[in-house]
Amino acid sequence: MSGSRFVILFGKIAKLERALKSFMIDRLTNSYGYTEVMPPVLVNEKTMTGTGQLPKFSEDLFKTIDNRWLIPTAEVPLTNLVSDMITPKKNLPMRFTAYTQCFRAEAGAAGRDTRGMIRNHQFSKVEMVSICDEDSSVDELDRMTGAAENILQSLELPYRVVLLASKDIGFSAKRTYDLEVWLPGQNDGQGCYREISSCSNCGSFQGRRMKARYKDESNNNKFVHTLNGSGLAVGRTIIAILENGQLSNGDIQLPKVLHEYMGADKISKD
């Protein structure tokens, strides 16, 4: 149908995807004040350039014949909501969240994670984006990371937080926390931690590229600071629930927060 690095979900697992999306969005909007957005997944070159995906990462992206680009993450359209704008400081921070399909060519990942759902060309993710002033971005990163941690804790999943070294952070970021979930079925059954969220403070880097500014108390224009993070990668969350929740009879014990969304406390193997 589509070739390698694509998956199809059926039945209860498809319902689990829908339940996770709804739970994550509900938690971020109700408990953390994010505004839900439904953005396009096709954007123009200017939008991709504003957040730093172009021109550096063009080989990892999918481009249409009419020169539009499929988004690799909802960070791209959400952050560009303030492109070419001057926002009063009193309106900051602005916090957005979205559930979207994401598309990556994975040109630099040839031979890695070629089976299963860990690394696909198309995958779903709930994204968080914050737009704030220059004095607030450090605290905003802690708040965003805390929101992602809260979702993992509510899903009863074991995880760890890793502060990335400067050589490992993304092109646009100046500080990044990776949240890694424990997957007991990986590494030939020995288990390992895998990234499920990455929360980054991009400082004014994207604000400068987008010409996104705010007006401070002295009526001066300054570039906004932007932050982004996953809340969470839905496919990897499904894997984590299946692997950590498997019972001796093959059923999957669901986290309590998903019982209402799923209408059940377990996924039966039958």
C-alpha atoms as a PDB file:
ATOM      1  CA  MET A   1       0.000   0.000   0.000  1.00  0.00           C
ATOM      2  CA  SER A   2       2.663   2.541   1.065  1.00  0.00           C
ATOM      3  CA  GLY A   3       5.906   0.592   1.430  1.00  0.00           C
ATOM      4  CA  SER A   4       8.108   0.243   4.496  1.00  0.00           C
ATOM      5  CA  ARG A   5       7.966   2.461   7.608  1.00  0.00           C
ATOM      6  CA  PHE A   6       4.170   2.775   7.575  1.00  0.00           C
ATOM      7  CA  VAL A   7       1.671   1.056   9.876  1.00  0.00           C
ATOM      8  CA  ILE A   8      -2.066   0.358   9.938  1.00  0.00           C
ATOM      9  CA  LEU A   9      -3.897   0.125  13.267  1.00  0.00           C
ATOM     10  CA  PHE A  10      -7.053  -1.962  13.659  1.00  0.00           C
ATOM     11  CA  GLY A  11      -9.790  -2.391  16.231  1.00  0.00           C
ATOM     12  CA  LYS A  12      -8.800  -1.907  19.864  1.00  0.00           C
ATOM     13  CA  ILE A  13      -5.338  -0.565  19.041  1.00  0.00           C
ATOM     14  CA  ALA A  14      -6.861   2.043  16.722  1.00  0.00           C
ATOM     15  CA  LYS A  15      -9.227   2.939  19.556  1.00  0.00           C
ATOM     16  CA  LEU A  16      -6.239   3.197  21.927  1.00  0.00           C
ATOM     17  CA  GLU A  17      -4.661   5.737  19.559  1.00  0.00           C
ATOM     18  CA  ARG A  18      -7.868   7.784  19.631  1.00  0.00           C
ATOM     19  CA  ALA A  19      -8.111   7.494  23.424  1.00  0.00           C
ATOM     20  CA  LEU A  20      -4.529   8.648  23.937  1.00  0.00           C
ATOM     21  CA  LYS A  21      -4.975  11.623  21.637  1.00  0.00           C
ATOM     22  CA  SER A  22      -8.093  12.714  23.506  1.00  0.00           C
ATOM     23  CA  PHE A  23      -6.554  12.197  26.947  1.00  0.00           C
ATOM     24  CA  MET A  24      -3.390  14.139  26.079  1.00  0.00           C
ATOM     25  CA  ILE A  25      -5.270  17.075  24.559  1.00  0.00           C
ATOM     26  CA  ASP A  26      -7.733  17.138  27.470  1.00  0.00           C
ATOM     27  CA  ARG A  27      -4.921  17.162  30.023  1.00  0.00           C
ATOM     28  CA  LEU A  28      -2.976  19.927  28.266  1.00  0.00           C
ATOM     29  CA  THR A  29      -6.005  22.161  27.729  1.00  0.00           C
ATOM     30  CA  ASN A  30      -7.773  21.588  31.050  1.00  0.00           C
ATOM     31  CA  SER A  31      -4.802  21.391  33.422  1.00  0.00           C
ATOM     32  CA  TYR A  32      -2.118  23.455  31.694  1.00  0.00           C
ATOM     33  CA  GLY A  33      -4.045  26.118  29.803  1.00  0.00           C
ATOM     34  CA  TYR A  34      -2.987  25.221  26.267  1.00  0.00           C
ATOM     35  CA  THR A  35      -5.291  26.277  23.430  1.00  0.00           C
ATOM     36  CA  GLU A  36      -6.184  23.435  21.084  1.00  0.00           C
ATOM     37  CA  VAL A  37      -5.478  24.113  17.405  1.00  0.00           C
ATOM     38  CA  MET A  38      -6.187  22.089  14.264  1.00  0.00           C
ATOM     39  CA  PRO A  39      -3.486  23.281  11.836  1.00  0.00           C
ATOM     40  CA  PRO A  40      -2.784  22.231   8.241  1.00  0.00           C
ATOM     41  CA  VAL A  41      -0.192  19.533   7.633  1.00  0.00           C
ATOM     42  CA  LEU A  42       0.904  21.133   4.350  1.00  0.00           C
ATOM     43  CA  VAL A  43       2.824  24.406   4.670  1.00  0.00           C
ATOM     44  CA  ASN A  44       4.885  26.658   2.423  1.00  0.00           C
ATOM     45  CA  GLU A  45       8.647  27.152   2.322  1.00  0.00           C
ATOM     46  CA  LYS A  46       8.535  30.385   4.345  1.00  0.00           C
ATOM     47  CA  THR A  47       6.810  28.583   7.207  1.00  0.00           C
ATOM     48  CA  MET A  48       9.349  25.748   7.216  1.00  0.00           C
ATOM     49  CA  THR A  49      12.203  28.250   7.130  1.00  0.00           C
ATOM     50  CA  GLY A  50      10.777  30.208  10.044  1.00  0.00           C
ATOM     51  CA  THR A  51      11.104  27.298  12.457  1.00  0.00           C
ATOM     52  CA  GLY A  52      14.463  26.116  11.095  1.00  0.00           C
ATOM     53  CA  GLN A  53      13.505  22.983   9.158  1.00  0.00           C
ATOM     54  CA  LEU A  54      14.628  24.618   5.904  1.00  0.00           C
ATOM     55  CA  PRO A  55      17.060  24.780   4.325  1.00  0.00           C
ATOM     56  CA  LYS A  56      19.151  22.570   6.622  1.00  0.00           C
ATOM     57  CA  PHE A  57      16.887  19.499   6.820  1.00  0.00           C
ATOM     58  CA  SER A  58      15.306  19.382   3.358  1.00  0.00           C
ATOM     59  CA  GLU A  59      16.447  15.772   2.785  1.00  0.00           C
ATOM     60  CA  ASP A  60      14.440  14.622   5.806  1.00  0.00           C
ATOM     61  CA  LEU A  61      11.210  16.235   4.575  1.00  0.00           C
ATOM     62  CA  PHE A  62       8.503  15.385   2.041  1.00  0.00           C
ATOM     63  CA  LYS A  63       7.749  17.973  -0.646  1.00  0.00           C
ATOM     64  CA  THR A  64       4.722  18.095  -2.946  1.00  0.00           C
ATOM     65  CA  ILE A  65       4.849  18.917  -6.647  1.00  0.00           C
ATOM     66  CA  ASP A  66       3.372  22.379  -5.982  1.00  0.00           C
ATOM     67  CA  ASN A  67       6.215  23.313  -3.594  1.00  0.00           C
ATOM     68  CA  ARG A  68       4.421  22.692  -0.322  1.00  0.00           C
ATOM     69  CA  TRP A  69       5.924  20.659   2.502  1.00  0.00           C
ATOM     70  CA  LEU A  70       4.423  18.018   4.772  1.00  0.00           C
ATOM     71  CA  ILE A  71       5.068  18.991   8.377  1.00  0.00           C
ATOM     72  CA  PRO A  72       7.536  16.856  10.387  1.00  0.00           C
ATOM     73  CA  THR A  73       5.883  18.103  13.590  1.00  0.00           C
ATOM     74  CA  ALA A  74       3.026  20.439  14.555  1.00  0.00           C
ATOM     75  CA  GLU A  75       5.715  22.719  15.986  1.00  0.00           C
ATOM     76  CA  VAL A  76       5.978  24.180  12.479  1.00  0.00           C
ATOM     77  CA  PRO A  77       2.434  25.552  11.987  1.00  0.00           C
ATOM     78  CA  LEU A  78       1.848  26.278  15.692  1.00  0.00           C
ATOM     79  CA  THR A  79       4.992  28.384  16.092  1.00  0.00           C
ATOM     80  CA  ASN A  80       4.269  30.227  12.849  1.00  0.00           C
ATOM     81  CA  LEU A  81       0.936  31.428  14.222  1.00  0.00           C
ATOM     82  CA  VAL A  82       2.875  34.507  15.392  1.00  0.00           C
ATOM     83  CA  SER A  83       5.003  34.934  12.259  1.00  0.00           C
ATOM     84  CA  ASP A  84       5.361  38.595  11.187  1.00  0.00           C
ATOM     85  CA  MET A  85       3.323  39.701  14.207  1.00  0.00           C
ATOM     86  CA  ILE A  86       3.972  42.147  17.049  1.00  0.00           C
ATOM     87  CA  THR A  87       2.204  40.907  20.183  1.00  0.00           C
ATOM     88  CA  PRO A  88       1.639  43.011  23.321  1.00  0.00           C
ATOM     89  CA  LYS A  89       3.617  41.566  26.218  1.00  0.00           C
ATOM     90  CA  LYS A  90       0.429  41.364  28.280  1.00  0.00           C
ATOM     91  CA  ASN A  91      -0.836  38.686  25.855  1.00  0.00           C
ATOM     92  CA  LEU A  92       2.153  36.433  26.572  1.00  0.00           C
ATOM     93  CA  PRO A  93       2.690  33.598  27.123  1.00  0.00           C
ATOM     94  CA  MET A  94       0.673  32.033  24.320  1.00  0.00           C
ATOM     95  CA  ARG A  95       0.380  28.264  24.605  1.00  0.00           C
ATOM     96  CA  PHE A  96      -0.865  26.035  21.774  1.00  0.00           C
ATOM     97  CA  THR A  97      -1.353  22.296  21.410  1.00  0.00           C
ATOM     98  CA  ALA A  98      -2.332  20.142  18.445  1.00  0.00           C
ATOM     99  CA  TYR A  99      -2.734  16.517  17.465  1.00  0.00           C
ATOM    100  CA  THR A 100      -1.505  15.941  13.916  1.00  0.00           C
ATOM    101  CA  GLN A 101      -0.034  13.406  11.593  1.00  0.00           C
ATOM    102  CA  CYS A 102       3.684  14.065  11.071  1.00  0.00           C
ATOM    103  CA  PHE A 103       5.839  13.100   8.104  1.00  0.00           C
ATOM    104  CA  ARG A 104       9.581  12.466   7.986  1.00  0.00           C
ATOM    105  CA  ALA A 105      11.716  10.925   5.258  1.00  0.00           C
ATOM    106  CA  GLU A 106      14.198   9.613   7.867  1.00  0.00           C
ATOM    107  CA  ALA A 107      17.012   9.946   5.333  1.00  0.00           C
ATOM    108  CA  GLY A 108      19.585   9.897   8.120  1.00  0.00           C
ATOM    109  CA  ALA A 109      18.142   6.800   9.782  1.00  0.00           C
ATOM    110  CA  ALA A 110      18.719   4.188   7.076  1.00  0.00           C
ATOM    111  CA  GLY A 111      18.925   0.721   8.604  1.00  0.00           C
ATOM    112  CA  ARG A 112      17.723   1.821  12.064  1.00  0.00           C
ATOM    113  CA  ASP A 113      14.380   0.746  13.556  1.00  0.00           C
ATOM    114  CA  THR A 114      13.162  -0.597  10.225  1.00  0.00           C
ATOM    115  CA  ARG A 115      10.493  -2.802  11.833  1.00  0.00           C
ATOM    116  CA  GLY A 116       7.535  -1.909  14.018  1.00  0.00           C
ATOM    117  CA  MET A 117       6.279   1.530  15.083  1.00  0.00           C
ATOM    118  CA  ILE A 118       9.390   3.155  16.555  1.00  0.00           C
ATOM    119  CA  ARG A 119      10.484   5.116  13.469  1.00  0.00           C
ATOM    120  CA  ASN A 120       7.959   5.633  10.659  1.00  0.00           C
ATOM    121  CA  HIS A 121       7.529   7.998   7.739  1.00  0.00           C
ATOM    122  CA  GLN A 122       4.051   8.910   9.022  1.00  0.00           C
ATOM    123  CA  PHE A 123       3.217   9.059  12.714  1.00  0.00           C
ATOM    124  CA  SER A 124       0.915  10.924  15.083  1.00  0.00           C
ATOM    125  CA  LYS A 125       1.951  13.263  17.853  1.00  0.00           C
ATOM    126  CA  VAL A 126       0.470  15.740  20.293  1.00  0.00           C
ATOM    127  CA  GLU A 127       2.618  18.870  20.267  1.00  0.00           C
ATOM    128  CA  MET A 128       3.014  21.748  22.715  1.00  0.00           C
ATOM    129  CA  VAL A 129       4.253  25.202  21.668  1.00  0.00           C
ATOM    130  CA  SER A 130       4.790  28.239  23.883  1.00  0.00           C
ATOM    131  CA  ILE A 131       5.425  31.819  22.780  1.00  0.00           C
ATOM    132  CA  CYS A 132       6.771  34.031  25.565  1.00  0.00           C
ATOM    133  CA  ASP A 133       8.984  37.005  26.400  1.00  0.00           C
ATOM    134  CA  GLU A 134      12.737  36.736  26.849  1.00  0.00           C
ATOM    135  CA  ASP A 135      12.579  36.704  30.654  1.00  0.00           C
ATOM    136  CA  SER A 136      10.112  33.813  30.888  1.00  0.00           C
ATOM    137  CA  SER A 137      11.475  31.096  28.600  1.00  0.00           C
ATOM    138  CA  VAL A 138      13.612  29.338  31.242  1.00  0.00           C
ATOM    139  CA  ASP A 139      10.630  28.853  33.562  1.00  0.00           C
ATOM    140  CA  GLU A 140       8.376  28.036  30.607  1.00  0.00           C
ATOM    141  CA  LEU A 141      10.641  25.135  29.617  1.00  0.00           C
ATOM    142  CA  ASP A 142      10.352  23.682  33.120  1.00  0.00           C
ATOM    143  CA  ARG A 143       6.574  24.080  32.966  1.00  0.00           C
ATOM    144  CA  MET A 144       6.344  22.400  29.552  1.00  0.00           C
ATOM    145  CA  THR A 145       8.581  19.515  30.609  1.00  0.00           C
ATOM    146  CA  GLY A 146       6.455  19.130  33.728  1.00  0.00           C
ATOM    147  CA  ALA A 147       3.319  18.841  31.584  1.00  0.00           C
ATOM    148  CA  ALA A 148       4.866  16.031  29.531  1.00  0.00           C
ATOM    149  CA  GLU A 149       6.010  14.315  32.734  1.00  0.00           C
ATOM    150  CA  ASN A 150       2.509  14.593  34.178  1.00  0.00           C
ATOM    151  CA  ILE A 151       1.080  12.760  31.174  1.00  0.00           C
ATOM    152  CA  LEU A 152       3.647   9.970  31.527  1.00  0.00           C
ATOM    153  CA  GLN A 153       2.973   9.702  35.256  1.00  0.00           C
ATOM    154  CA  SER A 154      -0.788   9.583  34.668  1.00  0.00           C
ATOM    155  CA  LEU A 155      -0.256   6.784  32.152  1.00  0.00           C
ATOM    156  CA  GLU A 156       1.739   4.910  34.831  1.00  0.00           C
ATOM    157  CA  LEU A 157       4.756   4.566  32.541  1.00  0.00           C
ATOM    158  CA  PRO A 158       8.352   4.378  33.841  1.00  0.00           C
ATOM    159  CA  TYR A 159      10.548   7.100  32.367  1.00  0.00           C
ATOM    160  CA  ARG A 160      13.610   9.239  32.909  1.00  0.00           C
ATOM    161  CA  VAL A 161      14.522  12.848  32.063  1.00  0.00           C
ATOM    162  CA  VAL A 162      17.792  13.583  30.259  1.00  0.00           C
ATOM    163  CA  LEU A 163      19.326  17.045  29.833  1.00  0.00           C
ATOM    164  CA  LEU A 164      20.981  16.920  26.414  1.00  0.00           C
ATOM    165  CA  ALA A 165      24.571  17.987  25.866  1.00  0.00           C
ATOM    166  CA  SER A 166      25.070  20.906  23.495  1.00  0.00           C
ATOM    167  CA  LYS A 167      26.321  18.617  20.709  1.00  0.00           C
ATOM    168  CA  ASP A 168      23.088  16.596  20.861  1.00  0.00           C
ATOM    169  CA  ILE A 169      20.446  19.334  20.844  1.00  0.00           C
ATOM    170  CA  GLY A 170      18.534  20.300  17.716  1.00  0.00           C
ATOM    171  CA  PHE A 171      19.540  23.015  15.282  1.00  0.00           C
ATOM    172  CA  SER A 172      16.972  25.524  16.588  1.00  0.00           C
ATOM    173  CA  ALA A 173      17.266  24.816  20.320  1.00  0.00           C
ATOM    174  CA  LYS A 174      19.499  26.172  23.063  1.00  0.00           C
ATOM    175  CA  ARG A 175      18.360  23.802  25.846  1.00  0.00           C
ATOM    176  CA  THR A 176      16.541  20.467  25.565  1.00  0.00           C
ATOM    177  CA  TYR A 177      15.164  17.860  27.937  1.00  0.00           C
ATOM    178  CA  ASP A 178      14.470  14.412  26.498  1.00  0.00           C
ATOM    179  CA  LEU A 179      11.884  12.268  28.250  1.00  0.00           C
ATOM    180  CA  GLU A 180      12.677   8.608  27.678  1.00  0.00           C
ATOM    181  CA  VAL A 181      10.165   5.855  28.406  1.00  0.00           C
ATOM    182  CA  TRP A 182      11.148   2.331  29.429  1.00  0.00           C
ATOM    183  CA  LEU A 183      10.315  -0.268  26.762  1.00  0.00           C
ATOM    184  CA  PRO A 184      10.931  -3.773  28.163  1.00  0.00           C
ATOM    185  CA  GLY A 185      10.465  -5.518  24.812  1.00  0.00           C
ATOM    186  CA  GLN A 186      13.199  -3.609  22.999  1.00  0.00           C
ATOM    187  CA  ASN A 187      16.864  -4.558  22.673  1.00  0.00           C
ATOM    188  CA  ASP A 188      16.109  -8.257  22.089  1.00  0.00           C
ATOM    189  CA  GLY A 189      13.965  -8.418  25.200  1.00  0.00           C
ATOM    190  CA  GLN A 190      16.559  -6.795  27.459  1.00  0.00           C
ATOM    191  CA  GLY A 191      14.657  -3.518  27.455  1.00  0.00           C
ATOM    192  CA  CYS A 192      15.879   0.034  26.958  1.00  0.00           C
ATOM    193  CA  TYR A 193      14.816   3.657  27.289  1.00  0.00           C
ATOM    194  CA  ARG A 194      13.563   5.389  24.127  1.00  0.00           C
ATOM    195  CA  GLU A 195      12.698   9.036  23.563  1.00  0.00           C
ATOM    196  CA  ILE A 196       8.971   9.751  23.805  1.00  0.00           C
ATOM    197  CA  SER A 197       9.123  13.528  24.225  1.00  0.00           C
ATOM    198  CA  SER A 198      11.673  16.245  23.617  1.00  0.00           C
ATOM    199  CA  CYS A 199      11.089  19.679  25.179  1.00  0.00           C
ATOM    200  CA  SER A 200      13.211  22.555  23.884  1.00  0.00           C
ATOM    201  CA  ASN A 201      13.777  26.234  24.532  1.00  0.00           C
ATOM    202  CA  CYS A 202      14.670  27.846  21.204  1.00  0.00           C
ATOM    203  CA  GLY A 203      15.262  31.299  22.662  1.00  0.00           C
ATOM    204  CA  SER A 204      14.857  34.020  20.029  1.00  0.00           C
ATOM    205  CA  PHE A 205      16.201  31.867  17.161  1.00  0.00           C
ATOM    206  CA  GLN A 206      12.821  31.133  15.578  1.00  0.00           C
ATOM    207  CA  GLY A 207      11.427  34.540  16.524  1.00  0.00           C
ATOM    208  CA  ARG A 208      14.170  36.229  14.495  1.00  0.00           C
ATOM    209  CA  ARG A 209      13.599  33.979  11.476  1.00  0.00           C
ATOM    210  CA  MET A 210       9.819  34.552  11.622  1.00  0.00           C
ATOM    211  CA  LYS A 211      10.096  38.272  12.498  1.00  0.00           C
ATOM    212  CA  ALA A 212       7.850  37.509  15.460  1.00  0.00           C
ATOM    213  CA  ARG A 213       8.090  40.216  18.098  1.00  0.00           C
ATOM    214  CA  TYR A 214       6.440  41.520  21.232  1.00  0.00           C
ATOM    215  CA  LYS A 215       6.191  45.054  22.578  1.00  0.00           C
ATOM    216  CA  ASP A 216       7.621  45.431  26.077  1.00  0.00           C
ATOM    217  CA  GLU A 217       6.617  47.868  28.839  1.00  0.00           C
ATOM    218  CA  SER A 218       8.871  50.576  27.361  1.00  0.00           C
ATOM    219  CA  ASN A 219       7.160  50.197  23.968  1.00  0.00           C
ATOM    220  CA  ASN A 220      10.257  48.548  22.469  1.00  0.00           C
ATOM    221  CA  ASN A 221       9.931  45.668  20.019  1.00  0.00           C
ATOM    222  CA  LYS A 222      11.772  42.493  21.026  1.00  0.00           C
ATOM    223  CA  PHE A 223      11.876  39.056  19.479  1.00  0.00           C
ATOM    224  CA  VAL A 224       9.687  36.450  21.136  1.00  0.00           C
ATOM    225  CA  HIS A 225      11.160  33.315  22.649  1.00  0.00           C
ATOM    226  CA  THR A 226       9.662  30.031  21.457  1.00  0.00           C
ATOM    227  CA  LEU A 227       9.481  26.586  23.018  1.00  0.00           C
ATOM    228  CA  ASN A 228       8.190  23.260  21.770  1.00  0.00           C
ATOM    229  CA  GLY A 229       7.725  19.762  23.113  1.00  0.00           C
ATOM    230  CA  SER A 230       5.869  16.512  22.530  1.00  0.00           C
ATOM    231  CA  GLY A 231       2.998  15.704  24.778  1.00  0.00           C
ATOM    232  CA  LEU A 232       3.481  12.859  23.652  1.00  0.00           C
ATOM    233  CA  ALA A 233       4.478  10.854  20.559  1.00  0.00           C
ATOM    234  CA  VAL A 234       1.328   8.723  20.324  1.00  0.00           C
ATOM    235  CA  GLY A 235       2.747   5.686  18.509  1.00  0.00           C
ATOM    236  CA  ARG A 236       5.567   5.233  21.001  1.00  0.00           C
ATOM    237  CA  THR A 237       3.077   5.699  23.842  1.00  0.00           C
ATOM    238  CA  ILE A 238       1.033   2.814  22.425  1.00  0.00           C
ATOM    239  CA  ILE A 239       4.165   0.646  22.381  1.00  0.00           C
ATOM    240  CA  ALA A 240       4.967   1.614  25.976  1.00  0.00           C
ATOM    241  CA  ILE A 241       1.459   0.730  27.191  1.00  0.00           C
ATOM    242  CA  LEU A 242       1.459  -2.605  25.349  1.00  0.00           C
ATOM    243  CA  GLU A 243       4.907  -3.623  26.591  1.00  0.00           C
ATOM    244  CA  ASN A 244       4.641  -2.365  30.178  1.00  0.00           C
ATOM    245  CA  GLY A 245       1.015  -3.413  30.648  1.00  0.00           C
ATOM    246  CA  GLN A 246       1.134  -6.976  29.349  1.00  0.00           C
ATOM    247  CA  LEU A 247      -0.215  -9.550  31.805  1.00  0.00           C
ATOM    248  CA  SER A 248       0.746 -13.203  32.115  1.00  0.00           C
ATOM    249  CA  ASN A 249      -2.324 -14.275  30.114  1.00  0.00           C
ATOM    250  CA  GLY A 250      -1.469 -11.920  27.248  1.00  0.00           C
ATOM    251  CA  ASP A 251      -4.059  -9.246  28.070  1.00  0.00           C
ATOM    252  CA  ILE A 252      -2.977  -5.603  28.337  1.00  0.00           C
ATOM    253  CA  GLN A 253      -3.736  -3.743  31.565  1.00  0.00           C
ATOM    254  CA  LEU A 254      -4.702  -0.171  30.704  1.00  0.00           C
ATOM    255  CA  PRO A 255      -3.767   2.854  32.841  1.00  0.00           C
ATOM    256  CA  LYS A 256      -6.673   4.060  34.999  1.00  0.00           C
ATOM    257  CA  VAL A 257      -6.877   7.408  33.199  1.00  0.00           C
ATOM    258  CA  LEU A 258      -7.751   5.606  29.956  1.00  0.00           C
ATOM    259  CA  HIS A 259     -10.561   3.425  31.326  1.00  0.00           C
ATOM    260  CA  GLU A 260     -13.256   6.004  30.574  1.00  0.00           C
ATOM    261  CA  TYR A 261     -11.855   6.765  27.117  1.00  0.00           C
ATOM    262  CA  MET A 262     -11.582   3.070  26.227  1.00  0.00           C
ATOM    263  CA  GLY A 263     -14.723   1.863  27.997  1.00  0.00           C
ATOM    264  CA  ALA A 264     -12.647  -0.951  29.501  1.00  0.00           C
ATOM    265  CA  ASP A 265      -9.766  -1.570  31.896  1.00  0.00           C
ATOM    266  CA  LYS A 266      -7.979  -4.098  29.700  1.00  0.00           C
ATOM    267  CA  ILE A 267      -7.340  -4.981  26.084  1.00  0.00           C
ATOM    268  CA  SER A 268      -8.007  -8.676  25.651  1.00  0.00           C
ATOM    269  CA  LYS A 269      -5.684 -10.721  23.467  1.00  0.00           C
ATOM    270  CA  ASP A 270      -8.764 -12.466  22.018  1.00  0.00           C
END
